[in-house]
Amino acid sequence: MQERLSYITVRGRQIPLWCDIFALNEIQEKYGSIGSFERRLIGVPEEAKKDWRGIRKEPDVAVIIFALELMIREGYKKADMLEEGVTPHEDPKVLLMDIDIPFSELSDIVHGVYKRCFQSKK
């Protein structure tokens, strides 16, 4: 199976997003655990265990920003490896200023990229 990047549209351009073991390592270093990151990303209280339906609150915007910067950086690296010709590379912080997607939708986008990290690459 060919690995495929996810993309987000910024200023009419497709910007690659990628989550891999290196991204997970940074996430774990910053948030203490992968689960804590995920809960904050999608707005689930820390004490919630299994069934998250109906208890979602507001996603943590700082977590969304951290994840987007990280996934954009990793996306550019992966695009280079796959020779997808995604150029020029832009500073993720600059790109974030131009994203016009509601933060709750950004949370869902980032969560989708994050979840793909756990799927088999066979």
Protein backbone atom coordinates (compact mmCIF):
# COMPACT_ATOMS: atom_id res chain seq x y z
CA MET A 1 0.00 0.00 0.00
CA GLN A 2 1.35 3.41 -0.97
CA GLU A 3 1.59 5.86 1.91
CA ARG A 4 -0.53 8.91 1.17
CA LEU A 5 -0.27 12.31 2.71
CA SER A 6 -3.25 14.22 4.01
CA TYR A 7 -3.62 17.84 2.93
CA ILE A 8 -5.13 21.05 4.21
CA THR A 9 -5.91 23.96 1.90
CA VAL A 10 -4.31 27.27 2.84
CA ARG A 11 -4.44 30.29 0.51
CA GLY A 12 -5.61 27.98 -2.26
CA ARG A 13 -2.58 25.70 -1.86
CA GLN A 14 -2.50 22.11 -0.69
CA ILE A 15 -0.28 21.86 2.40
CA PRO A 16 0.80 18.32 3.40
CA LEU A 17 0.03 16.92 6.85
CA TRP A 18 1.70 13.82 8.27
CA CYS A 19 1.85 12.06 11.62
CA ASP A 20 4.46 9.39 12.26
CA ILE A 21 6.47 7.92 15.11
CA PHE A 22 8.60 11.07 15.32
CA ALA A 23 5.51 13.26 15.63
CA LEU A 24 4.11 10.92 18.29
CA ASN A 25 7.37 11.22 20.20
CA GLU A 26 7.12 15.03 20.24
CA ILE A 27 3.46 14.81 21.25
CA GLN A 28 4.26 12.44 24.09
CA GLU A 29 7.12 14.64 25.31
CA LYS A 30 4.88 17.71 25.39
CA TYR A 31 1.64 16.21 26.75
CA GLY A 32 2.92 13.31 28.85
CA SER A 33 0.89 10.71 27.00
CA ILE A 34 -0.68 10.16 23.60
CA GLY A 35 -4.10 9.74 25.24
CA SER A 36 -3.89 13.08 27.04
CA PHE A 37 -3.05 14.80 23.75
CA GLU A 38 -5.98 13.15 21.97
CA ARG A 39 -8.46 14.06 24.70
CA ARG A 40 -7.39 17.71 24.69
CA LEU A 41 -7.39 17.78 20.87
CA ILE A 42 -10.99 16.66 20.58
CA GLY A 43 -12.31 18.22 23.79
CA VAL A 44 -12.84 15.19 26.00
CA PRO A 45 -12.31 15.55 29.76
CA GLU A 46 -9.25 13.73 31.15
CA GLU A 47 -11.39 11.63 33.49
CA ALA A 48 -13.37 10.18 30.56
CA LYS A 49 -12.38 6.58 29.94
CA LYS A 50 -14.04 4.72 27.09
CA ASP A 51 -17.31 6.09 25.78
CA TRP A 52 -16.65 9.71 24.77
CA ARG A 53 -19.96 10.26 22.98
CA GLY A 54 -21.99 13.10 24.37
CA ILE A 55 -19.31 14.45 26.68
CA ARG A 56 -17.14 16.35 24.20
CA LYS A 57 -16.39 19.90 25.15
CA GLU A 58 -14.43 22.60 23.37
CA PRO A 59 -11.15 21.44 21.78
CA ASP A 60 -7.96 22.95 23.20
CA VAL A 61 -6.80 25.52 20.62
CA ALA A 62 -3.18 25.41 21.86
CA VAL A 63 -3.14 21.66 21.16
CA ILE A 64 -4.55 22.22 17.67
CA ILE A 65 -1.85 24.82 16.92
CA PHE A 66 0.94 22.58 18.25
CA ALA A 67 -0.32 19.60 16.25
CA LEU A 68 -0.79 21.55 13.02
CA GLU A 69 2.72 23.02 13.18
CA LEU A 70 4.16 19.58 13.86
CA MET A 71 2.11 17.81 11.18
CA ILE A 72 2.91 20.47 8.56
CA ARG A 73 6.65 20.13 9.30
CA GLU A 74 6.41 16.34 9.09
CA GLY A 75 4.22 16.63 5.98
CA TYR A 76 6.89 18.61 4.15
CA LYS A 77 9.53 16.03 5.11
CA LYS A 78 7.35 13.14 3.96
CA ALA A 79 6.44 14.92 0.71
CA ASP A 80 10.15 15.29 -0.02
CA MET A 81 10.72 11.58 0.67
CA LEU A 82 7.85 10.61 -1.62
CA GLU A 83 9.05 13.15 -4.19
CA GLU A 84 5.63 14.76 -4.41
CA GLY A 85 7.16 18.11 -5.32
CA VAL A 86 5.49 20.15 -2.59
CA THR A 87 7.48 23.40 -2.74
CA PRO A 88 8.29 25.85 -1.47
CA HIS A 89 8.20 24.91 2.16
CA GLU A 90 6.62 27.62 4.26
CA ASP A 91 6.95 28.32 7.96
CA PRO A 92 4.02 26.52 9.62
CA LYS A 93 3.45 29.50 11.96
CA VAL A 94 2.96 31.78 8.95
CA LEU A 95 0.60 29.29 7.32
CA LEU A 96 -1.49 29.07 10.49
CA MET A 97 -2.21 32.79 10.28
CA ASP A 98 -3.92 32.22 6.93
CA ILE A 99 -6.05 29.19 7.80
CA ASP A 100 -9.71 30.17 7.64
CA ILE A 101 -11.21 26.93 8.93
CA PRO A 102 -13.16 26.96 12.22
CA PHE A 103 -11.11 25.53 15.09
CA SER A 104 -13.58 22.72 15.76
CA GLU A 105 -13.19 21.57 12.15
CA LEU A 106 -9.40 21.89 12.44
CA SER A 107 -9.60 19.64 15.49
CA ASP A 108 -11.38 17.00 13.39
CA ILE A 109 -8.83 17.31 10.55
CA VAL A 110 -5.86 16.96 12.89
CA HIS A 111 -7.54 14.07 14.71
CA GLY A 112 -8.05 12.28 11.40
CA VAL A 113 -4.35 12.62 10.50
CA TYR A 114 -3.40 11.50 14.00
CA LYS A 115 -5.62 8.39 13.77
CA ARG A 116 -4.05 7.41 10.44
CA CYS A 117 -0.73 7.14 12.27
CA PHE A 118 -2.04 3.98 13.96
CA GLN A 119 -3.19 2.24 10.77
CA SER A 120 -1.10 -0.46 9.15
CA LYS A 121 1.04 0.67 6.21
CA LYS A 122 0.82 -2.77 4.49
